């Protein structure tokens, strides 16, 4: 009887974990649809941020780092970098949720 209970418990854990994995799935199309409406600088930030594979927990730091790198490299304008980073970050967040 104990073996049956441990198998049942193991199955319950497997189903619970697989359910969590399914709910944690990213929604790439939503993020890409959002990014399609961005300006050129925001799209550049979005692209490099997605390539860096951030998590929701690291998103802000990654967006800041990538934006700073693009701005210092002259690939995006510095004046609107913050606004563009916020817009791009929202799209990346949509992609991750």
PDB file of N, CA and C in Angstrom:
ATOM      1  N   UNK A   1       0.820  -1.202   0.000  1.00  0.00           N
ATOM      2  CA  UNK A   1       0.000   0.000   0.000  1.00  0.00           C
ATOM      3  C   UNK A   1       0.865   1.269   0.000  1.00  0.00           C
ATOM      4  N   UNK A   2       2.001   1.207   0.714  1.00  0.00           N
ATOM      5  CA  UNK A   2       2.884   2.371   0.782  1.00  0.00           C
ATOM      6  C   UNK A   2       3.460   2.692  -0.589  1.00  0.00           C
ATOM      7  N   UNK A   3       3.750   1.646  -1.392  1.00  0.00           N
ATOM      8  CA  UNK A   3       4.288   1.849  -2.735  1.00  0.00           C
ATOM      9  C   UNK A   3       3.282   2.547  -3.631  1.00  0.00           C
ATOM     10  N   UNK A   4       2.013   2.209  -3.500  1.00  0.00           N
ATOM     11  CA  UNK A   4       0.963   2.844  -4.292  1.00  0.00           C
ATOM     12  C   UNK A   4       0.830   4.310  -3.914  1.00  0.00           C
ATOM     13  N   UNK A   5       0.915   4.601  -2.615  1.00  0.00           N
ATOM     14  CA  UNK A   5       0.799   5.982  -2.153  1.00  0.00           C
ATOM     15  C   UNK A   5       1.979   6.817  -2.641  1.00  0.00           C
ATOM     16  N   UNK A   6       3.184   6.258  -2.625  1.00  0.00           N
ATOM     17  CA  UNK A   6       4.328   7.031  -3.072  1.00  0.00           C
ATOM     18  C   UNK A   6       4.273   7.256  -4.579  1.00  0.00           C
ATOM     19  N   UNK A   7       3.753   6.297  -5.333  1.00  0.00           N
ATOM     20  CA  UNK A   7       3.585   6.488  -6.775  1.00  0.00           C
ATOM     21  C   UNK A   7       2.542   7.564  -7.048  1.00  0.00           C
ATOM     22  N   UNK A   8       1.465   7.536  -6.270  1.00  0.00           N
ATOM     23  CA  UNK A   8       0.422   8.553  -6.434  1.00  0.00           C
ATOM     24  C   UNK A   8       0.967   9.942  -6.086  1.00  0.00           C
ATOM     25  N   UNK A   9       1.760  10.002  -5.030  1.00  0.00           N
ATOM     26  CA  UNK A   9       2.346  11.285  -4.637  1.00  0.00           C
ATOM     27  C   UNK A   9       3.315  11.768  -5.709  1.00  0.00           C
ATOM     28  N   UNK A  10       4.097  10.857  -6.264  1.00  0.00           N
ATOM     29  CA  UNK A  10       5.042  11.227  -7.316  1.00  0.00           C
ATOM     30  C   UNK A  10       4.301  11.750  -8.543  1.00  0.00           C
ATOM     31  N   UNK A  11       3.217  11.083  -8.919  1.00  0.00           N
ATOM     32  CA  UNK A  11       2.416  11.543 -10.060  1.00  0.00           C
ATOM     33  C   UNK A  11       1.811  12.909  -9.797  1.00  0.00           C
ATOM     34  N   UNK A  12       1.342  13.125  -8.585  1.00  0.00           N
ATOM     35  CA  UNK A  12       0.762  14.428  -8.233  1.00  0.00           C
ATOM     36  C   UNK A  12       1.800  15.530  -8.370  1.00  0.00           C
ATOM     37  N   UNK A  13       3.023  15.245  -7.940  1.00  0.00           N
ATOM     38  CA  UNK A  13       4.097  16.238  -8.042  1.00  0.00           C
ATOM     39  C   UNK A  13       4.434  16.511  -9.499  1.00  0.00           C
ATOM     40  N   UNK A  14       4.507  15.449 -10.308  1.00  0.00           N
ATOM     41  CA  UNK A  14       4.810  15.616 -11.729  1.00  0.00           C
ATOM     42  C   UNK A  14       3.746  16.474 -12.400  1.00  0.00           C
ATOM     43  N   UNK A  15       2.478  16.215 -12.130  1.00  0.00           N
ATOM     44  CA  UNK A  15       1.399  16.998 -12.732  1.00  0.00           C
ATOM     45  C   UNK A  15       1.427  18.444 -12.259  1.00  0.00           C
ATOM     46  N   UNK A  16       1.736  18.648 -10.991  1.00  0.00           N
ATOM     47  CA  UNK A  16       1.812  20.017 -10.469  1.00  0.00           C
ATOM     48  C   UNK A  16       2.944  20.786 -11.126  1.00  0.00           C
ATOM     49  N   UNK A  17       4.105  20.163 -11.261  1.00  0.00           N
ATOM     50  CA  UNK A  17       5.251  20.822 -11.873  1.00  0.00           C
ATOM     51  C   UNK A  17       4.985  21.100 -13.347  1.00  0.00           C
ATOM     52  N   UNK A  18       4.380  20.156 -14.047  1.00  0.00           N
ATOM     53  CA  UNK A  18       4.096  20.382 -15.466  1.00  0.00           C
ATOM     54  C   UNK A  18       3.060  21.484 -15.632  1.00  0.00           C
ATOM     55  N   UNK A  19       2.148  21.607 -14.708  1.00  0.00           N
ATOM     56  CA  UNK A  19       1.175  22.695 -14.751  1.00  0.00           C
ATOM     57  C   UNK A  19       1.837  24.041 -14.538  1.00  0.00           C
ATOM     58  N   UNK A  20       2.802  24.095 -13.638  1.00  0.00           N
ATOM     59  CA  UNK A  20       3.530  25.342 -13.410  1.00  0.00           C
ATOM     60  C   UNK A  20       4.337  25.724 -14.636  1.00  0.00           C
ATOM     61  N   UNK A  21       4.930  24.748 -15.274  1.00  0.00           N
ATOM     62  CA  UNK A  21       5.712  25.026 -16.473  1.00  0.00           C
ATOM     63  C   UNK A  21       4.818  25.571 -17.577  1.00  0.00           C
ATOM     64  N   UNK A  22       3.624  25.057 -17.686  1.00  0.00           N
ATOM     65  CA  UNK A  22       2.701  25.517 -18.726  1.00  0.00           C
ATOM     66  C   UNK A  22       2.260  26.953 -18.465  1.00  0.00           C
ATOM     67  N   UNK A  23       2.066  27.321 -17.211  1.00  0.00           N
ATOM     68  CA  UNK A  23       1.620  28.679 -16.918  1.00  0.00           C
ATOM     69  C   UNK A  23       2.768  29.673 -17.003  1.00  0.00           C
ATOM     70  N   UNK A  24       4.008  29.204 -16.935  1.00  0.00           N
ATOM     71  CA  UNK A  24       5.148  30.096 -16.992  1.00  0.00           C
ATOM     72  C   UNK A  24       5.641  30.321 -18.421  1.00  0.00           C
ATOM     73  N   UNK A  25       4.940  29.764 -19.381  1.00  0.00           N
ATOM     74  CA  UNK A  25       5.348  29.882 -20.776  1.00  0.00           C
ATOM     75  C   UNK A  25       5.298  31.332 -21.245  1.00  0.00           C
ATOM     76  N   UNK A  26       6.290  31.744 -21.965  1.00  0.00           N
ATOM     77  CA  UNK A  26       6.351  33.112 -22.478  1.00  0.00           C
ATOM     78  C   UNK A  26       5.437  33.270 -23.682  1.00  0.00           C
ATOM     79  N   UNK A  27       5.003  34.492 -23.932  1.00  0.00           N
ATOM     80  CA  UNK A  27       4.116  34.783 -25.055  1.00  0.00           C
ATOM     81  C   UNK A  27       4.865  35.650 -26.061  1.00  0.00           C
ATOM     82  N   UNK A  28       5.746  35.020 -26.818  1.00  0.00           N
ATOM     83  CA  UNK A  28       6.548  35.720 -27.805  1.00  0.00           C
ATOM     84  C   UNK A  28       5.744  36.543 -28.785  1.00  0.00           C
ATOM     85  N   UNK A  29       4.654  35.991 -29.351  1.00  0.00           N
ATOM     86  CA  UNK A  29       3.879  36.774 -30.319  1.00  0.00           C
ATOM     87  C   UNK A  29       3.310  38.074 -29.745  1.00  0.00           C
ATOM     88  N   UNK A  30       2.917  38.072 -28.476  1.00  0.00           N
ATOM     89  CA  UNK A  30       2.376  39.299 -27.875  1.00  0.00           C
ATOM     90  C   UNK A  30       3.467  40.363 -27.781  1.00  0.00           C
ATOM     91  N   UNK A  31       4.653  39.956 -27.391  1.00  0.00           N
ATOM     92  CA  UNK A  31       5.764  40.898 -27.309  1.00  0.00           C
ATOM     93  C   UNK A  31       6.171  41.414 -28.676  1.00  0.00           C
ATOM     94  N   UNK A  32       6.190  40.516 -29.665  1.00  0.00           N
ATOM     95  CA  UNK A  32       6.558  40.923 -31.021  1.00  0.00           C
ATOM     96  C   UNK A  32       5.513  41.853 -31.628  1.00  0.00           C
ATOM     97  N   UNK A  33       4.236  41.595 -31.342  1.00  0.00           N
ATOM     98  CA  UNK A  33       3.170  42.475 -31.836  1.00  0.00           C
ATOM     99  C   UNK A  33       3.295  43.859 -31.208  1.00  0.00           C
ATOM    100  N   UNK A  34       3.612  43.888 -29.941  1.00  0.00           N
ATOM    101  CA  UNK A  34       3.825  45.160 -29.244  1.00  0.00           C
ATOM    102  C   UNK A  34       5.012  45.900 -29.860  1.00  0.00           C
ATOM    103  N   UNK A  35       6.100  45.175 -30.096  1.00  0.00           N
ATOM    104  CA  UNK A  35       7.321  45.780 -30.639  1.00  0.00           C
ATOM    105  C   UNK A  35       7.124  46.318 -32.051  1.00  0.00           C
ATOM    106  N   UNK A  36       6.184  45.753 -32.786  1.00  0.00           N
ATOM    107  CA  UNK A  36       5.931  46.223 -34.151  1.00  0.00           C
ATOM    108  C   UNK A  36       5.467  47.674 -34.165  1.00  0.00           C
ATOM    109  N   UNK A  37       4.908  48.140 -33.058  1.00  0.00           N
ATOM    110  CA  UNK A  37       4.410  49.510 -32.959  1.00  0.00           C
ATOM    111  C   UNK A  37       5.443  50.488 -32.395  1.00  0.00           C
ATOM    112  N   UNK A  38       6.642  50.007 -32.103  1.00  0.00           N
ATOM    113  CA  UNK A  38       7.676  50.858 -31.516  1.00  0.00           C
ATOM    114  C   UNK A  38       8.429  51.639 -32.586  1.00  0.00           C
ATOM    115  N   UNK A  39       9.058  52.720 -32.154  1.00  0.00           N
ATOM    116  CA  UNK A  39       9.947  53.468 -33.033  1.00  0.00           C
ATOM    117  C   UNK A  39      11.257  52.706 -33.215  1.00  0.00           C
ATOM    118  N   UNK A  40      12.108  53.196 -34.086  1.00  0.00           N
ATOM    119  CA  UNK A  40      13.347  52.494 -34.434  1.00  0.00           C
ATOM    120  C   UNK A  40      14.256  52.261 -33.226  1.00  0.00           C
ATOM    121  N   UNK A  41      14.443  53.284 -32.388  1.00  0.00           N
ATOM    122  CA  UNK A  41      15.323  53.122 -31.229  1.00  0.00           C
ATOM    123  C   UNK A  41      14.746  52.127 -30.228  1.00  0.00           C
ATOM    124  N   UNK A  42      13.445  52.199 -30.002  1.00  0.00           N
ATOM    125  CA  UNK A  42      12.798  51.254 -29.086  1.00  0.00           C
ATOM    126  C   UNK A  42      12.890  49.830 -29.622  1.00  0.00           C
ATOM    127  N   UNK A  43      12.738  49.680 -30.936  1.00  0.00           N
ATOM    128  CA  UNK A  43      12.861  48.344 -31.540  1.00  0.00           C
ATOM    129  C   UNK A  43      14.267  47.797 -31.360  1.00  0.00           C
ATOM    130  N   UNK A  44      15.268  48.660 -31.474  1.00  0.00           N
ATOM    131  CA  UNK A  44      16.651  48.222 -31.271  1.00  0.00           C
ATOM    132  C   UNK A  44      16.852  47.744 -29.835  1.00  0.00           C
ATOM    133  N   UNK A  45      16.308  48.488 -28.880  1.00  0.00           N
ATOM    134  CA  UNK A  45      16.405  48.101 -27.471  1.00  0.00           C
ATOM    135  C   UNK A  45      15.675  46.787 -27.244  1.00  0.00           C
ATOM    136  N   UNK A  46      14.496  46.658 -27.813  1.00  0.00           N
ATOM    137  CA  UNK A  46      13.717  45.420 -27.689  1.00  0.00           C
ATOM    138  C   UNK A  46      14.520  44.233 -28.216  1.00  0.00           C
ATOM    139  N   UNK A  47      15.103  44.375 -29.385  1.00  0.00           N
ATOM    140  CA  UNK A  47      15.819  43.267 -30.019  1.00  0.00           C
ATOM    141  C   UNK A  47      17.009  42.807 -29.178  1.00  0.00           C
ATOM    142  N   UNK A  48      17.816  43.745 -28.704  1.00  0.00           N
ATOM    143  CA  UNK A  48      18.989  43.330 -27.932  1.00  0.00           C
ATOM    144  C   UNK A  48      18.592  42.805 -26.553  1.00  0.00           C
ATOM    145  N   UNK A  49      17.511  43.339 -25.998  1.00  0.00           N
ATOM    146  CA  UNK A  49      17.054  42.858 -24.698  1.00  0.00           C
ATOM    147  C   UNK A  49      16.524  41.439 -24.812  1.00  0.00           C
ATOM    148  N   UNK A  50      15.732  41.156 -25.829  1.00  0.00           N
ATOM    149  CA  UNK A  50      15.221  39.799 -26.035  1.00  0.00           C
ATOM    150  C   UNK A  50      16.384  38.829 -26.257  1.00  0.00           C
ATOM    151  N   UNK A  51      17.378  39.256 -27.018  1.00  0.00           N
ATOM    152  CA  UNK A  51      18.540  38.403 -27.284  1.00  0.00           C
ATOM    153  C   UNK A  51      19.313  38.075 -26.004  1.00  0.00           C
ATOM    154  N   UNK A  52      19.241  38.966 -25.016  1.00  0.00           N
ATOM    155  CA  UNK A  52      19.922  38.744 -23.737  1.00  0.00           C
ATOM    156  C   UNK A  52      19.168  37.758 -22.844  1.00  0.00           C
ATOM    157  N   UNK A  53      17.965  37.379 -23.233  1.00  0.00           N
ATOM    158  CA  UNK A  53      17.133  36.402 -22.515  1.00  0.00           C
ATOM    159  C   UNK A  53      16.915  36.750 -21.036  1.00  0.00           C
ATOM    160  N   UNK A  54      16.310  37.903 -20.788  1.00  0.00           N
ATOM    161  CA  UNK A  54      16.050  38.259 -19.389  1.00  0.00           C
ATOM    162  C   UNK A  54      14.877  37.463 -18.826  1.00  0.00           C
ATOM    163  N   UNK A  55      14.756  37.465 -17.523  1.00  0.00           N
ATOM    164  CA  UNK A  55      13.574  36.937 -16.853  1.00  0.00           C
ATOM    165  C   UNK A  55      12.791  38.151 -16.360  1.00  0.00           C
ATOM    166  N   UNK A  56      11.599  37.917 -15.848  1.00  0.00           N
ATOM    167  CA  UNK A  56      10.845  39.043 -15.283  1.00  0.00           C
ATOM    168  C   UNK A  56      11.628  39.676 -14.131  1.00  0.00           C
ATOM    169  N   UNK A  57      12.370  38.859 -13.394  1.00  0.00           N
ATOM    170  CA  UNK A  57      13.142  39.365 -12.262  1.00  0.00           C
ATOM    171  C   UNK A  57      14.332  40.219 -12.705  1.00  0.00           C
ATOM    172  N   UNK A  58      14.897  39.930 -13.858  1.00  0.00           N
ATOM    173  CA  UNK A  58      16.086  40.656 -14.314  1.00  0.00           C
ATOM    174  C   UNK A  58      15.776  41.671 -15.408  1.00  0.00           C
ATOM    175  N   UNK A  59      14.525  41.782 -15.796  1.00  0.00           N
ATOM    176  CA  UNK A  59      14.143  42.610 -16.936  1.00  0.00           C
ATOM    177  C   UNK A  59      14.637  44.046 -16.828  1.00  0.00           C
ATOM    178  N   UNK A  60      14.380  44.700 -15.729  1.00  0.00           N
ATOM    179  CA  UNK A  60      14.760  46.112 -15.595  1.00  0.00           C
ATOM    180  C   UNK A  60      16.269  46.312 -15.752  1.00  0.00           C
ATOM    181  N   UNK A  61      17.037  45.484 -15.073  1.00  0.00           N
ATOM    182  CA  UNK A  61      18.494  45.612 -15.143  1.00  0.00           C
ATOM    183  C   UNK A  61      19.003  45.350 -16.555  1.00  0.00           C
ATOM    184  N   UNK A  62      18.435  44.372 -17.228  1.00  0.00           N
ATOM    185  CA  UNK A  62      18.874  44.046 -18.588  1.00  0.00           C
ATOM    186  C   UNK A  62      18.519  45.174 -19.550  1.00  0.00           C
ATOM    187  N   UNK A  63      17.303  45.713 -19.436  1.00  0.00           N
ATOM    188  CA  UNK A  63      16.910  46.826 -20.308  1.00  0.00           C
ATOM    189  C   UNK A  63      17.830  48.020 -20.087  1.00  0.00           C
ATOM    190  N   UNK A  64      18.110  48.337 -18.832  1.00  0.00           N
ATOM    191  CA  UNK A  64      19.003  49.467 -18.537  1.00  0.00           C
ATOM    192  C   UNK A  64      20.391  49.239 -19.118  1.00  0.00           C
ATOM    193  N   UNK A  65      20.931  48.048 -18.912  1.00  0.00           N
ATOM    194  CA  UNK A  65      22.276  47.737 -19.411  1.00  0.00           C
ATOM    195  C   UNK A  65      22.341  47.803 -20.936  1.00  0.00           C
ATOM    196  N   UNK A  66      21.363  47.193 -21.595  1.00  0.00           N
ATOM    197  CA  UNK A  66      21.367  47.169 -23.063  1.00  0.00           C
ATOM    198  C   UNK A  66      21.135  48.558 -23.644  1.00  0.00           C
ATOM    199  N   UNK A  67      20.253  49.334 -23.018  1.00  0.00           N
ATOM    200  CA  UNK A  67      19.990  50.695 -23.484  1.00  0.00           C
ATOM    201  C   UNK A  67      21.239  51.556 -23.342  1.00  0.00           C
ATOM    202  N   UNK A  68      21.885  51.463 -22.207  1.00  0.00           N
ATOM    203  CA  UNK A  68      23.117  52.228 -21.975  1.00  0.00           C
ATOM    204  C   UNK A  68      24.170  51.859 -23.019  1.00  0.00           C
ATOM    205  N   UNK A  69      24.305  50.574 -23.301  1.00  0.00           N
ATOM    206  CA  UNK A  69      25.287  50.115 -24.283  1.00  0.00           C
ATOM    207  C   UNK A  69      24.985  50.668 -25.678  1.00  0.00           C
ATOM    208  N   UNK A  70      23.720  50.634 -26.065  1.00  0.00           N
ATOM    209  CA  UNK A  70      23.329  51.166 -27.380  1.00  0.00           C
ATOM    210  C   UNK A  70      23.551  52.676 -27.456  1.00  0.00           C
ATOM    211  N   UNK A  71      23.191  53.382 -26.394  1.00  0.00           N
ATOM    212  CA  UNK A  71      23.333  54.845 -26.380  1.00  0.00           C
ATOM    213  C   UNK A  71      24.799  55.257 -26.397  1.00  0.00           C
ATOM    214  N   UNK A  72      25.618  54.605 -25.596  1.00  0.00           N
ATOM    215  CA  UNK A  72      27.043  54.941 -25.543  1.00  0.00           C
ATOM    216  C   UNK A  72      27.746  54.575 -26.853  1.00  0.00           C
ATOM    217  N   UNK A  73      27.227  53.570 -27.535  1.00  0.00           N
ATOM    218  CA  UNK A  73      27.795  53.167 -28.806  1.00  0.00           C
ATOM    219  C   UNK A  73      27.296  53.988 -29.983  1.00  0.00           C
ATOM    220  N   UNK A  74      26.409  54.940 -29.709  1.00  0.00           N
ATOM    221  CA  UNK A  74      25.873  55.793 -30.763  1.00  0.00           C
ATOM    222  C   UNK A  74      24.858  55.119 -31.667  1.00  0.00           C
ATOM    223  N   UNK A  75      24.326  53.986 -31.232  1.00  0.00           N
ATOM    224  CA  UNK A  75      23.362  53.255 -32.063  1.00  0.00           C
ATOM    225  C   UNK A  75      21.932  53.749 -31.864  1.00  0.00           C
ATOM    226  N   UNK A  76      21.672  54.410 -30.734  1.00  0.00           N
ATOM    227  CA  UNK A  76      20.376  55.049 -30.488  1.00  0.00           C
ATOM    228  C   UNK A  76      20.644  56.432 -29.920  1.00  0.00           C
ATOM    229  N   UNK A  77      19.640  57.309 -30.035  1.00  0.00           N
ATOM    230  CA  UNK A  77      19.776  58.649 -29.488  1.00  0.00           C
ATOM    231  C   UNK A  77      19.770  58.637 -27.972  1.00  0.00           C
ATOM    232  N   UNK A  78      20.591  59.480 -27.379  1.00  0.00           N
ATOM    233  CA  UNK A  78      20.661  59.543 -25.914  1.00  0.00           C
ATOM    234  C   UNK A  78      19.498  60.319 -25.308  1.00  0.00           C
ATOM    235  N   UNK A  79      19.013  61.326 -26.020  1.00  0.00           N
ATOM    236  CA  UNK A  79      17.975  62.197 -25.478  1.00  0.00           C
ATOM    237  C   UNK A  79      16.692  61.491 -25.102  1.00  0.00           C
ATOM    238  N   UNK A  80      16.274  60.560 -25.902  1.00  0.00           N
ATOM    239  CA  UNK A  80      15.024  59.841 -25.652  1.00  0.00           C
ATOM    240  C   UNK A  80      15.258  58.402 -25.214  1.00  0.00           C
ATOM    241  N   UNK A  81      16.476  58.078 -24.817  1.00  0.00           N
ATOM    242  CA  UNK A  81      16.816  56.691 -24.480  1.00  0.00           C
ATOM    243  C   UNK A  81      15.936  56.143 -23.363  1.00  0.00           C
ATOM    244  N   UNK A  82      15.668  56.956 -22.347  1.00  0.00           N
ATOM    245  CA  UNK A  82      14.865  56.470 -21.219  1.00  0.00           C
ATOM    246  C   UNK A  82      13.444  56.137 -21.664  1.00  0.00           C
ATOM    247  N   UNK A  83      12.815  57.048 -22.405  1.00  0.00           N
ATOM    248  CA  UNK A  83      11.449  56.801 -22.893  1.00  0.00           C
ATOM    249  C   UNK A  83      11.408  55.569 -23.791  1.00  0.00           C
ATOM    250  N   UNK A  84      12.399  55.440 -24.664  1.00  0.00           N
ATOM    251  CA  UNK A  84      12.447  54.293 -25.565  1.00  0.00           C
ATOM    252  C   UNK A  84      12.670  52.994 -24.807  1.00  0.00           C
ATOM    253  N   UNK A  85      13.473  53.060 -23.753  1.00  0.00           N
ATOM    254  CA  UNK A  85      13.729  51.874 -22.934  1.00  0.00           C
ATOM    255  C   UNK A  85      12.460  51.426 -22.217  1.00  0.00           C
ATOM    256  N   UNK A  86      11.703  52.379 -21.715  1.00  0.00           N
ATOM    257  CA  UNK A  86      10.447  52.040 -21.025  1.00  0.00           C
ATOM    258  C   UNK A  86       9.484  51.358 -21.997  1.00  0.00           C
ATOM    259  N   UNK A  87       9.348  51.914 -23.186  1.00  0.00           N
ATOM    260  CA  UNK A  87       8.448  51.329 -24.186  1.00  0.00           C
ATOM    261  C   UNK A  87       8.903  49.928 -24.583  1.00  0.00           C
ATOM    262  N   UNK A  88      10.197  49.782 -24.830  1.00  0.00           N
ATOM    263  CA  UNK A  88      10.726  48.471 -25.204  1.00  0.00           C
ATOM    264  C   UNK A  88      10.564  47.481 -24.060  1.00  0.00           C
ATOM    265  N   UNK A  89      10.810  47.939 -22.847  1.00  0.00           N
ATOM    266  CA  UNK A  89      10.671  47.077 -21.673  1.00  0.00           C
ATOM    267  C   UNK A  89       9.264  46.542 -21.501  1.00  0.00           C
ATOM    268  N   UNK A  90       8.263  47.379 -21.786  1.00  0.00           N
ATOM    269  CA  UNK A  90       6.879  46.920 -21.695  1.00  0.00           C
ATOM    270  C   UNK A  90       6.600  45.794 -22.695  1.00  0.00           C
ATOM    271  N   UNK A  91       7.174  45.903 -23.878  1.00  0.00           N
ATOM    272  CA  UNK A  91       6.983  44.852 -24.887  1.00  0.00           C
ATOM    273  C   UNK A  91       7.710  43.565 -24.504  1.00  0.00           C
ATOM    274  N   UNK A  92       8.898  43.711 -23.949  1.00  0.00           N
ATOM    275  CA  UNK A  92       9.622  42.518 -23.493  1.00  0.00           C
ATOM    276  C   UNK A  92       8.852  41.872 -22.354  1.00  0.00           C
ATOM    277  N   UNK A  93       8.290  42.670 -21.472  1.00  0.00           N
ATOM    278  CA  UNK A  93       7.493  42.142 -20.361  1.00  0.00           C
ATOM    279  C   UNK A  93       6.301  41.362 -20.907  1.00  0.00           C
ATOM    280  N   UNK A  94       5.649  41.899 -21.928  1.00  0.00           N
ATOM    281  CA  UNK A  94       4.513  41.184 -22.554  1.00  0.00           C
ATOM    282  C   UNK A  94       4.986  39.865 -23.139  1.00  0.00           C
ATOM    283  N   UNK A  95       6.168  39.849 -23.694  1.00  0.00           N
ATOM    284  CA  UNK A  95       6.736  38.618 -24.267  1.00  0.00           C
ATOM    285  C   UNK A  95       7.000  37.569 -23.194  1.00  0.00           C
ATOM    286  N   UNK A  96       7.417  38.023 -22.031  1.00  0.00           N
ATOM    287  CA  UNK A  96       7.773  37.095 -20.952  1.00  0.00           C
ATOM    288  C   UNK A  96       6.567  36.578 -20.167  1.00  0.00           C
ATOM    289  N   UNK A  97       5.455  37.249 -20.261  1.00  0.00           N
ATOM    290  CA  UNK A  97       4.284  36.841 -19.461  1.00  0.00           C
ATOM    291  C   UNK A  97       3.445  35.817 -20.169  1.00  0.00           C
TER     292      UNK A  97
END
